[in-house]
Each structure stands twice: as structure tokens, then as C-alpha cells.
Amino acid sequence: NLSMSFNPYSASSLGAAAATSSPQVAEAQQLLRQLGYTLEVDGIWGPKTSSALTAVWMALGKLETPGGIDSAVLQTLRQAG
């Protein structure tokens, strides 16, 4: 269950002042762009990235949207593209 585990790249773990770029988030943003979502690839988790990920998860029929990016999320996005 990704939403229950700690993820240093999740929106709840990043304060506005502490928002730093993450290679995993940047890769997810690039993959989401390839799926047709308009996102800036800056590596910073934000509302557009979260919304796009939620939309993809819903389209894939997954019940729980992950609260951040990890290797399993990236693999799912790679396969979805």
C-alpha cells in the first residue's frame, strides 16, 4: 500500500520552502507528459503532477493512488506508455 508508507517525495513530506527537485519525480513527470499530460518537468512534486498521476491510476483501474513516486510507480508509468 503505497499511500500508507513514508515517501520522501510525497506532497505531505515536502513543505513549500523545502521543495527540492527529485530525479524520480522528474522521470514520472516526463512519463506523464508522454501520456499526454501538460506538466513542467522540474522534479518537484506539485498539484499538477499529483492530479495527472491520479488520472492515470484511475484510467488503469487501480483503487488507490500513490501519494508519491517510487520505483513501482515509475514501472507502472513506463508500462502505461
C-alpha atoms as a PDB file:
ATOM      1  CA  ASN A   1       0.000   0.000   0.000  1.00  0.00           C
ATOM      2  CA  LEU A   2       1.940   2.990  -1.269  1.00  0.00           C
ATOM      3  CA  SER A   3      -0.309   5.615   0.269  1.00  0.00           C
ATOM      4  CA  MET A   4       0.374   4.387   3.802  1.00  0.00           C
ATOM      5  CA  SER A   5       4.166   4.155   3.601  1.00  0.00           C
ATOM      6  CA  PHE A   6       6.542   7.052   4.085  1.00  0.00           C
ATOM      7  CA  ASN A   7       7.738   8.521   0.833  1.00  0.00           C
ATOM      8  CA  PRO A   8      10.208  11.421   0.939  1.00  0.00           C
ATOM      9  CA  TYR A   9       8.822  12.671  -2.382  1.00  0.00           C
ATOM     10  CA  SER A  10       5.182  12.791  -1.358  1.00  0.00           C
ATOM     11  CA  ALA A  11       3.317  16.071  -1.236  1.00  0.00           C
ATOM     12  CA  SER A  12       2.811  15.785   2.513  1.00  0.00           C
ATOM     13  CA  SER A  13       6.543  15.316   3.076  1.00  0.00           C
ATOM     14  CA  LEU A  14       7.596  18.379   1.096  1.00  0.00           C
ATOM     15  CA  GLY A  15       6.997  21.800   2.582  1.00  0.00           C
ATOM     16  CA  ALA A  16       6.853  24.772   0.229  1.00  0.00           C
ATOM     17  CA  ALA A  17      10.251  26.014   1.375  1.00  0.00           C
ATOM     18  CA  ALA A  18      11.757  22.531   1.221  1.00  0.00           C
ATOM     19  CA  ALA A  19      10.527  21.676  -2.282  1.00  0.00           C
ATOM     20  CA  THR A  20      13.596  20.275  -3.984  1.00  0.00           C
ATOM     21  CA  SER A  21      13.980  18.569  -7.313  1.00  0.00           C
ATOM     22  CA  SER A  22      13.918  14.776  -7.358  1.00  0.00           C
ATOM     23  CA  PRO A  23      15.128  12.607 -10.250  1.00  0.00           C
ATOM     24  CA  GLN A  24      12.275  10.148  -9.595  1.00  0.00           C
ATOM     25  CA  VAL A  25       9.630  12.879  -9.753  1.00  0.00           C
ATOM     26  CA  ALA A  26      11.235  14.315 -12.904  1.00  0.00           C
ATOM     27  CA  GLU A  27      11.114  10.908 -14.584  1.00  0.00           C
ATOM     28  CA  ALA A  28       7.475  10.471 -13.563  1.00  0.00           C
ATOM     29  CA  GLN A  29       6.667  13.924 -14.952  1.00  0.00           C
ATOM     30  CA  GLN A  30       8.342  13.032 -18.245  1.00  0.00           C
ATOM     31  CA  LEU A  31       6.404   9.764 -18.443  1.00  0.00           C
ATOM     32  CA  LEU A  32       3.157  11.592 -17.641  1.00  0.00           C
ATOM     33  CA  ARG A  33       3.935  14.098 -20.432  1.00  0.00           C
ATOM     34  CA  GLN A  34       4.374  11.170 -22.828  1.00  0.00           C
ATOM     35  CA  LEU A  35       0.899  10.042 -21.780  1.00  0.00           C
ATOM     36  CA  GLY A  36      -0.489  13.434 -22.796  1.00  0.00           C
ATOM     37  CA  TYR A  37      -0.470  15.443 -19.580  1.00  0.00           C
ATOM     38  CA  THR A  38       0.779  19.023 -19.666  1.00  0.00           C
ATOM     39  CA  LEU A  39       3.401  19.232 -16.944  1.00  0.00           C
ATOM     40  CA  GLU A  40       6.626  21.069 -16.374  1.00  0.00           C
ATOM     41  CA  VAL A  41       9.424  18.544 -15.896  1.00  0.00           C
ATOM     42  CA  ASP A  42      11.082  20.159 -12.892  1.00  0.00           C
ATOM     43  CA  GLY A  43      11.328  17.217 -10.497  1.00  0.00           C
ATOM     44  CA  ILE A  44       9.145  18.954  -7.914  1.00  0.00           C
ATOM     45  CA  TRP A  45       6.011  17.186  -6.692  1.00  0.00           C
ATOM     46  CA  GLY A  46       3.042  19.507  -7.006  1.00  0.00           C
ATOM     47  CA  PRO A  47      -0.695  19.563  -7.672  1.00  0.00           C
ATOM     48  CA  LYS A  48      -0.399  19.069 -11.453  1.00  0.00           C
ATOM     49  CA  THR A  49       1.838  16.023 -11.024  1.00  0.00           C
ATOM     50  CA  SER A  50      -0.462  14.634  -8.352  1.00  0.00           C
ATOM     51  CA  SER A  51      -3.586  15.188 -10.476  1.00  0.00           C
ATOM     52  CA  ALA A  52      -2.020  13.603 -13.552  1.00  0.00           C
ATOM     53  CA  LEU A  53      -0.886  10.581 -11.547  1.00  0.00           C
ATOM     54  CA  THR A  54      -4.373  10.219 -10.058  1.00  0.00           C
ATOM     55  CA  ALA A  55      -5.926  10.349 -13.540  1.00  0.00           C
ATOM     56  CA  VAL A  56      -3.559   7.663 -14.842  1.00  0.00           C
ATOM     57  CA  TRP A  57      -4.215   5.446 -11.832  1.00  0.00           C
ATOM     58  CA  MET A  58      -7.981   5.792 -12.326  1.00  0.00           C
ATOM     59  CA  ALA A  59      -7.636   5.013 -16.046  1.00  0.00           C
ATOM     60  CA  LEU A  60      -5.671   1.877 -15.151  1.00  0.00           C
ATOM     61  CA  GLY A  61      -8.427   0.791 -12.757  1.00  0.00           C
ATOM     62  CA  LYS A  62      -6.223   0.971  -9.684  1.00  0.00           C
ATOM     63  CA  LEU A  63      -8.058   1.584  -6.441  1.00  0.00           C
ATOM     64  CA  GLU A  64      -5.538   3.651  -4.501  1.00  0.00           C
ATOM     65  CA  THR A  65      -3.481   6.456  -5.963  1.00  0.00           C
ATOM     66  CA  PRO A  66       0.075   6.533  -4.652  1.00  0.00           C
ATOM     67  CA  GLY A  67       0.958   9.534  -2.513  1.00  0.00           C
ATOM     68  CA  GLY A  68       4.343   9.900  -4.160  1.00  0.00           C
ATOM     69  CA  ILE A  69       6.804   8.398  -6.599  1.00  0.00           C
ATOM     70  CA  ASP A  70       8.797   5.217  -6.069  1.00  0.00           C
ATOM     71  CA  SER A  71      10.227   2.519  -8.327  1.00  0.00           C
ATOM     72  CA  ALA A  72       6.903   0.637  -8.552  1.00  0.00           C
ATOM     73  CA  VAL A  73       5.045   3.799  -9.638  1.00  0.00           C
ATOM     74  CA  LEU A  74       7.708   4.544 -12.247  1.00  0.00           C
ATOM     75  CA  GLN A  75       7.486   0.981 -13.585  1.00  0.00           C
ATOM     76  CA  THR A  76       3.697   1.258 -13.900  1.00  0.00           C
ATOM     77  CA  LEU A  77       4.040   4.580 -15.757  1.00  0.00           C
ATOM     78  CA  ARG A  78       6.657   3.084 -18.097  1.00  0.00           C
ATOM     79  CA  GLN A  79       4.320   0.202 -18.913  1.00  0.00           C
ATOM     80  CA  ALA A  80       1.336   2.527 -19.395  1.00  0.00           C
ATOM     81  CA  GLY A  81       3.208   4.492 -22.070  1.00  0.00           C
END
